[in-house]
Amino acid sequence: MKIRFQADPDLDPDIRKGLLLREPSIDFRPAAGAILDGTLDLEVLRLAAEDGRALVSGDVHTMTVHFRAFVVSHESPGVLLIPSTRSIGAVIEDLLLVWQNWTTDDLRNQVRWLPRQPKGS
């Protein structure tokens, strides 16, 4: 099954827009209208999980900690973390590759960095 994405409120909306320009059939729900700014990470994770969507987040400082707490008692479609140092174009390419090559099982209950971080980072 194809991965469906949910943008975190801290994700640059141009990433979603650019990705949909490249591949309009990607199911990538914007944060606007689904998740309010200031929503706590655990609630963001719950909302994404309830709809079966992998969360795409730029919250690289706290999301991993909250994700570990969340998956103790909940299933999650997973989280993709995007460092703010990545260019929008590079992020779009990475997300397109994820969408083309991964299934929902490849990310279930996991946090992955885009680009993939070397071990020990």
PDB file of N, CA and C in Angstrom:
ATOM      1  N   MET A   1       0.842  -1.176   0.000  1.00  0.00           N
ATOM      2  CA  MET A   1       0.000   0.000   0.000  1.00  0.00           C
ATOM      3  C   MET A   1       0.893   1.248   0.000  1.00  0.00           C
ATOM      4  N   LYS A   2       0.520   2.234  -0.800  1.00  0.00           N
ATOM      5  CA  LYS A   2       1.289   3.484  -0.890  1.00  0.00           C
ATOM      6  C   LYS A   2       1.214   4.264   0.420  1.00  0.00           C
ATOM      7  N   ILE A   3       2.316   4.883   0.764  1.00  0.00           N
ATOM      8  CA  ILE A   3       2.368   5.734   1.950  1.00  0.00           C
ATOM      9  C   ILE A   3       1.552   6.996   1.696  1.00  0.00           C
ATOM     10  N   ARG A   4       0.769   7.377   2.691  1.00  0.00           N
ATOM     11  CA  ARG A   4       0.046   8.652   2.668  1.00  0.00           C
ATOM     12  C   ARG A   4       0.719   9.549   3.706  1.00  0.00           C
ATOM     13  N   PHE A   5       0.913  10.804   3.362  1.00  0.00           N
ATOM     14  CA  PHE A   5       1.656  11.728   4.209  1.00  0.00           C
ATOM     15  C   PHE A   5       0.745  12.726   4.913  1.00  0.00           C
ATOM     16  N   GLN A   6       1.190  13.161   6.092  1.00  0.00           N
ATOM     17  CA  GLN A   6       0.570  14.252   6.838  1.00  0.00           C
ATOM     18  C   GLN A   6       1.665  15.252   7.168  1.00  0.00           C
ATOM     19  N   ALA A   7       1.488  16.502   6.755  1.00  0.00           N
ATOM     20  CA  ALA A   7       2.467  17.544   7.083  1.00  0.00           C
ATOM     21  C   ALA A   7       2.287  17.988   8.527  1.00  0.00           C
ATOM     22  N   ASP A   8       3.389  18.141   9.222  1.00  0.00           N
ATOM     23  CA  ASP A   8       3.412  18.736  10.552  1.00  0.00           C
ATOM     24  C   ASP A   8       3.312  20.253  10.370  1.00  0.00           C
ATOM     25  N   PRO A   9       2.718  20.974  11.337  1.00  0.00           N
ATOM     26  CA  PRO A   9       2.614  22.433  11.182  1.00  0.00           C
ATOM     27  C   PRO A   9       3.952  23.140  10.982  1.00  0.00           C
ATOM     28  N   ASP A  10       5.055  22.534  11.442  1.00  0.00           N
ATOM     29  CA  ASP A  10       6.355  23.197  11.286  1.00  0.00           C
ATOM     30  C   ASP A  10       7.024  22.900   9.941  1.00  0.00           C
ATOM     31  N   LEU A  11       6.390  22.091   9.099  1.00  0.00           N
ATOM     32  CA  LEU A  11       6.965  21.766   7.795  1.00  0.00           C
ATOM     33  C   LEU A  11       6.681  22.887   6.804  1.00  0.00           C
ATOM     34  N   ASP A  12       7.692  23.290   6.060  1.00  0.00           N
ATOM     35  CA  ASP A  12       7.530  24.334   5.045  1.00  0.00           C
ATOM     36  C   ASP A  12       6.471  23.883   4.035  1.00  0.00           C
ATOM     37  N   PRO A  13       5.381  24.636   3.873  1.00  0.00           N
ATOM     38  CA  PRO A  13       4.316  24.223   2.945  1.00  0.00           C
ATOM     39  C   PRO A  13       4.777  24.123   1.492  1.00  0.00           C
ATOM     40  N   ASP A  14       5.882  24.775   1.152  1.00  0.00           N
ATOM     41  CA  ASP A  14       6.402  24.677  -0.214  1.00  0.00           C
ATOM     42  C   ASP A  14       6.890  23.264  -0.542  1.00  0.00           C
ATOM     43  N   ILE A  15       7.244  22.497   0.485  1.00  0.00           N
ATOM     44  CA  ILE A  15       7.659  21.109   0.259  1.00  0.00           C
ATOM     45  C   ILE A  15       6.477  20.314  -0.285  1.00  0.00           C
ATOM     46  N   ARG A  16       5.339  20.422   0.357  1.00  0.00           N
ATOM     47  CA  ARG A  16       4.142  19.713  -0.101  1.00  0.00           C
ATOM     48  C   ARG A  16       3.728  20.189  -1.495  1.00  0.00           C
ATOM     49  N   LYS A  17       3.704  21.493  -1.677  1.00  0.00           N
ATOM     50  CA  LYS A  17       3.301  22.050  -2.980  1.00  0.00           C
ATOM     51  C   LYS A  17       4.218  21.552  -4.097  1.00  0.00           C
ATOM     52  N   GLY A  18       5.517  21.595  -3.856  1.00  0.00           N
ATOM     53  CA  GLY A  18       6.476  21.152  -4.863  1.00  0.00           C
ATOM     54  C   GLY A  18       6.369  19.665  -5.159  1.00  0.00           C
ATOM     55  N   LEU A  19       6.149  18.874  -4.117  1.00  0.00           N
ATOM     56  CA  LEU A  19       6.010  17.435  -4.312  1.00  0.00           C
ATOM     57  C   LEU A  19       4.772  17.119  -5.146  1.00  0.00           C
ATOM     58  N   LEU A  20       3.677  17.811  -4.874  1.00  0.00           N
ATOM     59  CA  LEU A  20       2.447  17.573  -5.633  1.00  0.00           C
ATOM     60  C   LEU A  20       2.561  18.069  -7.075  1.00  0.00           C
ATOM     61  N   LEU A  21       3.395  19.064  -7.316  1.00  0.00           N
ATOM     62  CA  LEU A  21       3.657  19.468  -8.700  1.00  0.00           C
ATOM     63  C   LEU A  21       4.395  18.362  -9.452  1.00  0.00           C
ATOM     64  N   ARG A  22       5.316  17.704  -8.761  1.00  0.00           N
ATOM     65  CA  ARG A  22       6.074  16.601  -9.372  1.00  0.00           C
ATOM     66  C   ARG A  22       5.208  15.368  -9.584  1.00  0.00           C
ATOM     67  N   GLU A  23       4.351  15.071  -8.574  1.00  0.00           N
ATOM     68  CA  GLU A  23       3.521  13.863  -8.649  1.00  0.00           C
ATOM     69  C   GLU A  23       2.163  14.151  -8.005  1.00  0.00           C
ATOM     70  N   PRO A  24       1.198  14.595  -8.814  1.00  0.00           N
ATOM     71  CA  PRO A  24      -0.113  14.998  -8.287  1.00  0.00           C
ATOM     72  C   PRO A  24      -0.904  13.890  -7.596  1.00  0.00           C
ATOM     73  N   SER A  25      -0.565  12.632  -7.842  1.00  0.00           N
ATOM     74  CA  SER A  25      -1.344  11.551  -7.235  1.00  0.00           C
ATOM     75  C   SER A  25      -0.924  11.213  -5.805  1.00  0.00           C
ATOM     76  N   ILE A  26       0.121  11.859  -5.292  1.00  0.00           N
ATOM     77  CA  ILE A  26       0.547  11.615  -3.912  1.00  0.00           C
ATOM     78  C   ILE A  26      -0.507  12.176  -2.962  1.00  0.00           C
ATOM     79  N   ASP A  27      -0.852  11.375  -1.964  1.00  0.00           N
ATOM     80  CA  ASP A  27      -1.811  11.787  -0.936  1.00  0.00           C
ATOM     81  C   ASP A  27      -1.015  12.425   0.203  1.00  0.00           C
ATOM     82  N   PHE A  28      -0.981  13.748   0.223  1.00  0.00           N
ATOM     83  CA  PHE A  28      -0.175  14.498   1.195  1.00  0.00           C
ATOM     84  C   PHE A  28      -1.053  15.601   1.771  1.00  0.00           C
ATOM     85  N   ARG A  29      -1.594  15.336   2.957  1.00  0.00           N
ATOM     86  CA  ARG A  29      -2.496  16.298   3.584  1.00  0.00           C
ATOM     87  C   ARG A  29      -1.699  17.425   4.237  1.00  0.00           C
ATOM     88  N   PRO A  30      -2.099  18.675   3.968  1.00  0.00           N
ATOM     89  CA  PRO A  30      -1.414  19.806   4.600  1.00  0.00           C
ATOM     90  C   PRO A  30      -1.772  19.892   6.078  1.00  0.00           C
ATOM     91  N   ALA A  31      -0.929  20.568   6.829  1.00  0.00           N
ATOM     92  CA  ALA A  31      -1.239  20.781   8.243  1.00  0.00           C
ATOM     93  C   ALA A  31      -2.436  21.710   8.395  1.00  0.00           C
ATOM     94  N   ALA A  32      -2.505  22.733   7.548  1.00  0.00           N
ATOM     95  CA  ALA A  32      -3.606  23.700   7.624  1.00  0.00           C
ATOM     96  C   ALA A  32      -4.935  22.972   7.480  1.00  0.00           C
ATOM     97  N   GLY A  33      -5.805  23.187   8.440  1.00  0.00           N
ATOM     98  CA  GLY A  33      -7.107  22.549   8.421  1.00  0.00           C
ATOM     99  C   GLY A  33      -7.144  21.208   9.130  1.00  0.00           C
ATOM    100  N   ALA A  34      -5.987  20.618   9.388  1.00  0.00           N
ATOM    101  CA  ALA A  34      -5.942  19.320  10.058  1.00  0.00           C
ATOM    102  C   ALA A  34      -5.281  19.413  11.430  1.00  0.00           C
ATOM    103  N   ILE A  35      -4.231  20.229  11.527  1.00  0.00           N
ATOM    104  CA  ILE A  35      -3.466  20.352  12.771  1.00  0.00           C
ATOM    105  C   ILE A  35      -3.162  21.826  13.003  1.00  0.00           C
ATOM    106  N   LEU A  36      -3.529  22.324  14.150  1.00  0.00           N
ATOM    107  CA  LEU A  36      -3.292  23.729  14.476  1.00  0.00           C
ATOM    108  C   LEU A  36      -1.857  23.958  14.924  1.00  0.00           C
ATOM    109  N   ASP A  37      -1.325  25.136  14.623  1.00  0.00           N
ATOM    110  CA  ASP A  37      -0.019  25.519  15.164  1.00  0.00           C
ATOM    111  C   ASP A  37      -0.085  25.429  16.683  1.00  0.00           C
ATOM    112  N   GLY A  38       0.971  24.951  17.291  1.00  0.00           N
ATOM    113  CA  GLY A  38       1.018  24.849  18.743  1.00  0.00           C
ATOM    114  C   GLY A  38       0.471  23.539  19.287  1.00  0.00           C
ATOM    115  N   THR A  39      -0.054  22.677  18.414  1.00  0.00           N
ATOM    116  CA  THR A  39      -0.545  21.376  18.863  1.00  0.00           C
ATOM    117  C   THR A  39       0.640  20.559  19.370  1.00  0.00           C
ATOM    118  N   LEU A  40       0.468  19.926  20.513  1.00  0.00           N
ATOM    119  CA  LEU A  40       1.543  19.137  21.103  1.00  0.00           C
ATOM    120  C   LEU A  40       1.894  17.942  20.217  1.00  0.00           C
ATOM    121  N   ASP A  41       3.168  17.544  20.260  1.00  0.00           N
ATOM    122  CA  ASP A  41       3.655  16.461  19.405  1.00  0.00           C
ATOM    123  C   ASP A  41       2.846  15.176  19.555  1.00  0.00           C
ATOM    124  N   LEU A  42       2.515  14.790  20.780  1.00  0.00           N
ATOM    125  CA  LEU A  42       1.758  13.553  20.973  1.00  0.00           C
ATOM    126  C   LEU A  42       0.396  13.619  20.298  1.00  0.00           C
ATOM    127  N   GLU A  43      -0.222  14.782  20.307  1.00  0.00           N
ATOM    128  CA  GLU A  43      -1.509  14.956  19.636  1.00  0.00           C
ATOM    129  C   GLU A  43      -1.330  14.929  18.116  1.00  0.00           C
ATOM    130  N   VAL A  44      -0.269  15.531  17.621  1.00  0.00           N
ATOM    131  CA  VAL A  44       0.026  15.497  16.183  1.00  0.00           C
ATOM    132  C   VAL A  44       0.221  14.046  15.738  1.00  0.00           C
ATOM    133  N   LEU A  45       0.967  13.286  16.508  1.00  0.00           N
ATOM    134  CA  LEU A  45       1.189  11.874  16.194  1.00  0.00           C
ATOM    135  C   LEU A  45      -0.123  11.091  16.210  1.00  0.00           C
ATOM    136  N   ARG A  46      -0.976  11.371  17.181  1.00  0.00           N
ATOM    137  CA  ARG A  46      -2.268  10.690  17.272  1.00  0.00           C
ATOM    138  C   ARG A  46      -3.135  10.993  16.054  1.00  0.00           C
ATOM    139  N   LEU A  47      -3.206  12.263  15.672  1.00  0.00           N
ATOM    140  CA  LEU A  47      -4.030  12.654  14.529  1.00  0.00           C
ATOM    141  C   LEU A  47      -3.552  11.990  13.238  1.00  0.00           C
ATOM    142  N   ALA A  48      -2.241  11.962  13.040  1.00  0.00           N
ATOM    143  CA  ALA A  48      -1.699  11.313  11.839  1.00  0.00           C
ATOM    144  C   ALA A  48      -1.987   9.809  11.867  1.00  0.00           C
ATOM    145  N   ALA A  49      -1.785   9.187  13.020  1.00  0.00           N
ATOM    146  CA  ALA A  49      -1.999   7.743  13.138  1.00  0.00           C
ATOM    147  C   ALA A  49      -3.459   7.370  12.931  1.00  0.00           C
ATOM    148  N   GLU A  50      -4.359   8.163  13.465  1.00  0.00           N
ATOM    149  CA  GLU A  50      -5.788   7.865  13.311  1.00  0.00           C
ATOM    150  C   GLU A  50      -6.209   7.836  11.848  1.00  0.00           C
ATOM    151  N   ASP A  51      -5.528   8.617  11.030  1.00  0.00           N
ATOM    152  CA  ASP A  51      -5.872   8.663   9.610  1.00  0.00           C
ATOM    153  C   ASP A  51      -4.934   7.803   8.755  1.00  0.00           C
ATOM    154  N   GLY A  52      -4.044   7.050   9.411  1.00  0.00           N
ATOM    155  CA  GLY A  52      -3.149   6.160   8.677  1.00  0.00           C
ATOM    156  C   GLY A  52      -2.118   6.880   7.835  1.00  0.00           C
ATOM    157  N   ARG A  53      -1.646   8.029   8.320  1.00  0.00           N
ATOM    158  CA  ARG A  53      -0.699   8.848   7.563  1.00  0.00           C
ATOM    159  C   ARG A  53       0.653   8.928   8.266  1.00  0.00           C
ATOM    160  N   ALA A  54       1.711   8.800   7.485  1.00  0.00           N
ATOM    161  CA  ALA A  54       3.056   9.024   8.003  1.00  0.00           C
ATOM    162  C   ALA A  54       3.243  10.524   8.184  1.00  0.00           C
ATOM    163  N   LEU A  55       3.734  10.910   9.328  1.00  0.00           N
ATOM    164  CA  LEU A  55       3.955  12.320   9.625  1.00  0.00           C
ATOM    165  C   LEU A  55       5.276  12.773   9.017  1.00  0.00           C
ATOM    166  N   VAL A  56       5.248  13.882   8.300  1.00  0.00           N
ATOM    167  CA  VAL A  56       6.458  14.494   7.747  1.00  0.00           C
ATOM    168  C   VAL A  56       6.703  15.748   8.570  1.00  0.00           C
ATOM    169  N   SER A  57       7.824  15.775   9.287  1.00  0.00           N
ATOM    170  CA  SER A  57       8.049  16.826  10.278  1.00  0.00           C
ATOM    171  C   SER A  57       9.452  17.406  10.184  1.00  0.00           C
ATOM    172  N   GLY A  58       9.541  18.679  10.477  1.00  0.00           N
ATOM    173  CA  GLY A  58      10.830  19.340  10.610  1.00  0.00           C
ATOM    174  C   GLY A  58      11.229  19.484  12.070  1.00  0.00           C
ATOM    175  N   ASP A  59      10.439  18.918  12.969  1.00  0.00           N
ATOM    176  CA  ASP A  59      10.677  19.021  14.407  1.00  0.00           C
ATOM    177  C   ASP A  59      11.694  17.964  14.832  1.00  0.00           C
ATOM    178  N   VAL A  60      12.941  18.213  14.484  1.00  0.00           N
ATOM    179  CA  VAL A  60      13.986  17.215  14.712  1.00  0.00           C
ATOM    180  C   VAL A  60      14.468  17.169  16.164  1.00  0.00           C
ATOM    181  N   HIS A  61      14.084  18.138  16.979  1.00  0.00           N
ATOM    182  CA  HIS A  61      14.593  18.199  18.351  1.00  0.00           C
ATOM    183  C   HIS A  61      13.743  17.426  19.349  1.00  0.00           C
ATOM    184  N   THR A  62      12.430  17.420  19.184  1.00  0.00           N
ATOM    185  CA  THR A  62      11.583  16.770  20.186  1.00  0.00           C
ATOM    186  C   THR A  62      10.740  15.621  19.648  1.00  0.00           C
ATOM    187  N   MET A  63      10.547  15.552  18.345  1.00  0.00           N
ATOM    188  CA  MET A  63       9.619  14.552  17.810  1.00  0.00           C
ATOM    189  C   MET A  63      10.067  13.126  18.098  1.00  0.00           C
ATOM    190  N   THR A  64      11.362  12.839  18.055  1.00  0.00           N
ATOM    191  CA  THR A  64      11.804  11.462  18.299  1.00  0.00           C
ATOM    192  C   THR A  64      11.472  11.020  19.720  1.00  0.00           C
ATOM    193  N   VAL A  65      11.645  11.910  20.681  1.00  0.00           N
ATOM    194  CA  VAL A  65      11.331  11.586  22.076  1.00  0.00           C
ATOM    195  C   VAL A  65       9.840  11.314  22.224  1.00  0.00           C
ATOM    196  N   HIS A  66       9.017  12.181  21.661  1.00  0.00           N
ATOM    197  CA  HIS A  66       7.569  11.999  21.769  1.00  0.00           C
ATOM    198  C   HIS A  66       7.098  10.778  20.982  1.00  0.00           C
ATOM    199  N   PHE A  67       7.754  10.491  19.876  1.00  0.00           N
ATOM    200  CA  PHE A  67       7.392   9.311  19.094  1.00  0.00           C
ATOM    201  C   PHE A  67       7.637   8.037  19.897  1.00  0.00           C
ATOM    202  N   ARG A  68       8.783   7.959  20.569  1.00  0.00           N
ATOM    203  CA  ARG A  68       9.080   6.774  21.388  1.00  0.00           C
ATOM    204  C   ARG A  68       8.009   6.562  22.445  1.00  0.00           C
ATOM    205  N   ALA A  69       7.560   7.645  23.067  1.00  0.00           N
ATOM    206  CA  ALA A  69       6.492   7.541  24.070  1.00  0.00           C
ATOM    207  C   ALA A  69       5.176   7.116  23.420  1.00  0.00           C
ATOM    208  N   PHE A  70       4.897   7.628  22.241  1.00  0.00           N
ATOM    209  CA  PHE A  70       3.638   7.338  21.554  1.00  0.00           C
ATOM    210  C   PHE A  70       3.529   5.859  21.178  1.00  0.00           C
ATOM    211  N   VAL A  71       4.586   5.282  20.610  1.00  0.00           N
ATOM    212  CA  VAL A  71       4.501   3.907  20.110  1.00  0.00           C
ATOM    213  C   VAL A  71       4.513   2.856  21.215  1.00  0.00           C
ATOM    214  N   VAL A  72       4.715   3.280  22.456  1.00  0.00           N
ATOM    215  CA  VAL A  72       4.593   2.334  23.567  1.00  0.00           C
ATOM    216  C   VAL A  72       3.162   1.800  23.643  1.00  0.00           C
ATOM    217  N   SER A  73       2.197   2.653  23.346  1.00  0.00           N
ATOM    218  CA  SER A  73       0.796   2.242  23.487  1.00  0.00           C
ATOM    219  C   SER A  73      -0.045   2.435  22.230  1.00  0.00           C
ATOM    220  N   HIS A  74       0.573   2.857  21.118  1.00  0.00           N
ATOM    221  CA  HIS A  74      -0.176   3.090  19.883  1.00  0.00           C
ATOM    222  C   HIS A  74       0.612   2.571  18.683  1.00  0.00           C
ATOM    223  N   GLU A  75      -0.106   2.201  17.634  1.00  0.00           N
ATOM    224  CA  GLU A  75       0.511   1.922  16.339  1.00  0.00           C
ATOM    225  C   GLU A  75       0.702   3.258  15.621  1.00  0.00           C
ATOM    226  N   SER A  76       1.750   3.354  14.821  1.00  0.00           N
ATOM    227  CA  SER A  76       1.993   4.572  14.055  1.00  0.00           C
ATOM    228  C   SER A  76       2.407   4.218  12.632  1.00  0.00           C
ATOM    229  N   PRO A  77       1.897   4.966  11.658  1.00  0.00           N
ATOM    230  CA  PRO A  77       2.382   4.798  10.287  1.00  0.00           C
ATOM    231  C   PRO A  77       3.821   5.275  10.113  1.00  0.00           C
ATOM    232  N   GLY A  78       4.373   5.939  11.138  1.00  0.00           N
ATOM    233  CA  GLY A  78       5.760   6.364  11.109  1.00  0.00           C
ATOM    234  C   GLY A  78       5.935   7.861  10.947  1.00  0.00           C
ATOM    235  N   VAL A  79       7.194   8.274  11.074  1.00  0.00           N
ATOM    236  CA  VAL A  79       7.560   9.685  10.989  1.00  0.00           C
ATOM    237  C   VAL A  79       8.782   9.821  10.092  1.00  0.00           C
ATOM    238  N   LEU A  80       8.737  10.804   9.213  1.00  0.00           N
ATOM    239  CA  LEU A  80       9.895  11.197   8.412  1.00  0.00           C
ATOM    240  C   LEU A  80      10.353  12.557   8.910  1.00  0.00           C
ATOM    241  N   LEU A  81      11.602  12.646   9.351  1.00  0.00           N
ATOM    242  CA  LEU A  81      12.150  13.904   9.856  1.00  0.00           C
ATOM    243  C   LEU A  81      12.984  14.580   8.777  1.00  0.00           C
ATOM    244  N   ILE A  82      12.732  15.871   8.617  1.00  0.00           N
ATOM    245  CA  ILE A  82      13.393  16.671   7.589  1.00  0.00           C
ATOM    246  C   ILE A  82      14.219  17.765   8.271  1.00  0.00           C
ATOM    247  N   PRO A  83      15.543  17.682   8.246  1.00  0.00           N
ATOM    248  CA  PRO A  83      16.353  18.752   8.828  1.00  0.00           C
ATOM    249  C   PRO A  83      16.166  20.062   8.060  1.00  0.00           C
ATOM    250  N   SER A  84      16.158  21.163   8.769  1.00  0.00           N
ATOM    251  CA  SER A  84      15.947  22.476   8.139  1.00  0.00           C
ATOM    252  C   SER A  84      17.102  22.862   7.213  1.00  0.00           C
ATOM    253  N   THR A  85      18.213  22.165   7.315  1.00  0.00           N
ATOM    254  CA  THR A  85      19.365  22.470   6.466  1.00  0.00           C
ATOM    255  C   THR A  85      19.211  21.911   5.049  1.00  0.00           C
ATOM    256  N   ARG A  86      18.240  21.047   4.835  1.00  0.00           N
ATOM    257  CA  ARG A  86      18.014  20.462   3.502  1.00  0.00           C
ATOM    258  C   ARG A  86      17.310  21.460   2.610  1.00  0.00           C
ATOM    259  N   SER A  87      17.698  21.499   1.360  1.00  0.00           N
ATOM    260  CA  SER A  87      17.008  22.369   0.410  1.00  0.00           C
ATOM    261  C   SER A  87      15.632  21.781   0.107  1.00  0.00           C
ATOM    262  N   ILE A  88      14.701  22.645  -0.245  1.00  0.00           N
ATOM    263  CA  ILE A  88      13.351  22.186  -0.564  1.00  0.00           C
ATOM    264  C   ILE A  88      13.390  21.208  -1.733  1.00  0.00           C
ATOM    265  N   GLY A  89      14.194  21.499  -2.737  1.00  0.00           N
ATOM    266  CA  GLY A  89      14.301  20.598  -3.883  1.00  0.00           C
ATOM    267  C   GLY A  89      14.787  19.212  -3.492  1.00  0.00           C
ATOM    268  N   ALA A  90      15.785  19.152  -2.613  1.00  0.00           N
ATOM    269  CA  ALA A  90      16.312  17.857  -2.165  1.00  0.00           C
ATOM    270  C   ALA A  90      15.269  17.093  -1.356  1.00  0.00           C
ATOM    271  N   VAL A  91      14.531  17.800  -0.515  1.00  0.00           N
ATOM    272  CA  VAL A  91      13.478  17.157   0.282  1.00  0.00           C
ATOM    273  C   VAL A  91      12.395  16.593  -0.630  1.00  0.00           C
ATOM    274  N   ILE A  92      12.014  17.357  -1.636  1.00  0.00           N
ATOM    275  CA  ILE A  92      10.997  16.893  -2.584  1.00  0.00           C
ATOM    276  C   ILE A  92      11.463  15.611  -3.268  1.00  0.00           C
ATOM    277  N   GLU A  93      12.702  15.581  -3.710  1.00  0.00           N
ATOM    278  CA  GLU A  93      13.240  14.379  -4.358  1.00  0.00           C
ATOM    279  C   GLU A  93      13.247  13.193  -3.396  1.00  0.00           C
ATOM    280  N   ASP A  94      13.662  13.432  -2.149  1.00  0.00           N
ATOM    281  CA  ASP A  94      13.684  12.356  -1.149  1.00  0.00           C
ATOM    282  C   ASP A  94      12.284  11.806  -0.897  1.00  0.00           C
ATOM    283  N   LEU A  95      11.311  12.691  -0.714  1.00  0.00           N
ATOM    284  CA  LEU A  95       9.939  12.246  -0.454  1.00  0.00           C
ATOM    285  C   LEU A  95       9.355  11.507  -1.655  1.00  0.00           C
ATOM    286  N   LEU A  96       9.683  11.960  -2.843  1.00  0.00           N
ATOM    287  CA  LEU A  96       9.210  11.275  -4.043  1.00  0.00           C
ATOM    288  C   LEU A  96       9.766   9.845  -4.094  1.00  0.00           C
ATOM    289  N   LEU A  97      11.043   9.690  -3.773  1.00  0.00           N
ATOM    290  CA  LEU A  97      11.642   8.354  -3.744  1.00  0.00           C
ATOM    291  C   LEU A  97      10.998   7.471  -2.683  1.00  0.00           C
ATOM    292  N   VAL A  98      10.729   8.038  -1.509  1.00  0.00           N
ATOM    293  CA  VAL A  98      10.039   7.282  -0.458  1.00  0.00           C
ATOM    294  C   VAL A  98       8.685   6.813  -0.972  1.00  0.00           C
ATOM    295  N   TRP A  99       7.926   7.721  -1.539  1.00  0.00           N
ATOM    296  CA  TRP A  99       6.584   7.393  -2.021  1.00  0.00           C
ATOM    297  C   TRP A  99       6.625   6.327  -3.122  1.00  0.00           C
ATOM    298  N   GLN A 100       7.613   6.409  -3.996  1.00  0.00           N
ATOM    299  CA  GLN A 100       7.715   5.459  -5.111  1.00  0.00           C
ATOM    300  C   GLN A 100       8.186   4.074  -4.677  1.00  0.00           C
ATOM    301  N   ASN A 101       9.005   4.012  -3.622  1.00  0.00           N
ATOM    302  CA  ASN A 101       9.698   2.765  -3.311  1.00  0.00           C
ATOM    303  C   ASN A 101       9.328   2.093  -1.999  1.00  0.00           C
ATOM    304  N   TRP A 102       8.704   2.799  -1.083  1.00  0.00           N
ATOM    305  CA  TRP A 102       8.380   2.220   0.214  1.00  0.00           C
ATOM    306  C   TRP A 102       6.900   1.900   0.287  1.00  0.00           C
ATOM    307  N   THR A 103       6.589   0.897   1.095  1.00  0.00           N
ATOM    308  CA  THR A 103       5.195   0.615   1.424  1.00  0.00           C
ATOM    309  C   THR A 103       4.934   1.109   2.844  1.00  0.00           C
ATOM    310  N   THR A 104       3.696   1.025   3.254  1.00  0.00           N
ATOM    311  CA  THR A 104       3.362   1.462   4.615  1.00  0.00           C
ATOM    312  C   THR A 104       4.109   0.632   5.658  1.00  0.00           C
ATOM    313  N   ASP A 105       4.392  -0.623   5.364  1.00  0.00           N
ATOM    314  CA  ASP A 105       5.106  -1.463   6.325  1.00  0.00           C
ATOM    315  C   ASP A 105       6.568  -1.055   6.501  1.00  0.00           C
ATOM    316  N   ASP A 106       7.151  -0.401   5.511  1.00  0.00           N
ATOM    317  CA  ASP A 106       8.555   0.008   5.593  1.00  0.00           C
ATOM    318  C   ASP A 106       8.798   1.096   6.631  1.00  0.00           C
ATOM    319  N   LEU A 107       7.756   1.802   7.013  1.00  0.00           N
ATOM    320  CA  LEU A 107       7.914   2.922   7.942  1.00  0.00           C
ATOM    321  C   LEU A 107       7.153   2.712   9.251  1.00  0.00           C
ATOM    322  N   ARG A 108       6.302   1.700   9.309  1.00  0.00           N
ATOM    323  CA  ARG A 108       5.436   1.491  10.470  1.00  0.00           C
ATOM    324  C   ARG A 108       6.234   1.466  11.778  1.00  0.00           C
ATOM    325  N   ASN A 109       5.796   2.300  12.728  1.00  0.00           N
ATOM    326  CA  ASN A 109       6.383   2.390  14.068  1.00  0.00           C
ATOM    327  C   ASN A 109       7.867   2.761  14.060  1.00  0.00           C
ATOM    328  N   GLN A 110       8.282   3.523  13.050  1.00  0.00           N
ATOM    329  CA  GLN A 110       9.675   3.955  12.942  1.00  0.00           C
ATOM    330  C   GLN A 110       9.772   5.454  12.680  1.00  0.00           C
ATOM    331  N   VAL A 111      10.903   6.004  13.076  1.00  0.00           N
ATOM    332  CA  VAL A 111      11.281   7.364  12.691  1.00  0.00           C
ATOM    333  C   VAL A 111      12.451   7.227  11.729  1.00  0.00           C
ATOM    334  N   ARG A 112      12.360   7.899  10.600  1.00  0.00           N
ATOM    335  CA  ARG A 112      13.459   7.900   9.628  1.00  0.00           C
ATOM    336  C   ARG A 112      13.806   9.335   9.283  1.00  0.00           C
ATOM    337  N   TRP A 113      15.077   9.578   9.105  1.00  0.00           N
ATOM    338  CA  TRP A 113      15.572  10.893   8.695  1.00  0.00           C
ATOM    339  C   TRP A 113      15.704  10.930   7.180  1.00  0.00           C
ATOM    340  N   LEU A 114      15.391  12.069   6.603  1.00  0.00           N
ATOM    341  CA  LEU A 114      15.654  12.308   5.184  1.00  0.00           C
ATOM    342  C   LEU A 114      16.621  13.471   5.085  1.00  0.00           C
ATOM    343  N   PRO A 115      17.799  13.313   4.543  1.00  0.00           N
ATOM    344  CA  PRO A 115      18.314  12.048   4.057  1.00  0.00           C
ATOM    345  C   PRO A 115      18.654  11.151   5.228  1.00  0.00           C
ATOM    346  N   ARG A 116      18.850   9.913   4.923  1.00  0.00           N
ATOM    347  CA  ARG A 116      19.163   8.952   5.972  1.00  0.00           C
ATOM    348  C   ARG A 116      20.450   9.376   6.682  1.00  0.00           C
ATOM    349  N   GLN A 117      20.419   9.364   7.997  1.00  0.00           N
ATOM    350  CA  GLN A 117      21.573   9.762   8.795  1.00  0.00           C
ATOM    351  C   GLN A 117      22.520   8.574   8.975  1.00  0.00           C
ATOM    352  N   PRO A 118      23.824   8.831   8.945  1.00  0.00           N
ATOM    353  CA  PRO A 118      24.770   7.743   9.201  1.00  0.00           C
ATOM    354  C   PRO A 118      24.605   7.220  10.623  1.00  0.00           C
ATOM    355  N   LYS A 119      24.926   5.966  10.831  1.00  0.00           N
ATOM    356  CA  LYS A 119      24.837   5.394  12.175  1.00  0.00           C
ATOM    357  C   LYS A 119      25.729   6.185  13.114  1.00  0.00           C
ATOM    358  N   GLY A 120      25.220   6.396  14.339  1.00  0.00           N
ATOM    359  CA  GLY A 120      25.967   7.144  15.332  1.00  0.00           C
ATOM    360  C   GLY A 120      25.655   8.623  15.327  1.00  0.00           C
ATOM    361  N   SER A 121      24.847   9.090  14.382  1.00  0.00           N
ATOM    362  CA  SER A 121      24.494  10.519  14.324  1.00  0.00           C
ATOM    363  C   SER A 121      23.326  10.816  15.213  1.00  0.00           C
TER     364      SER A 121
END
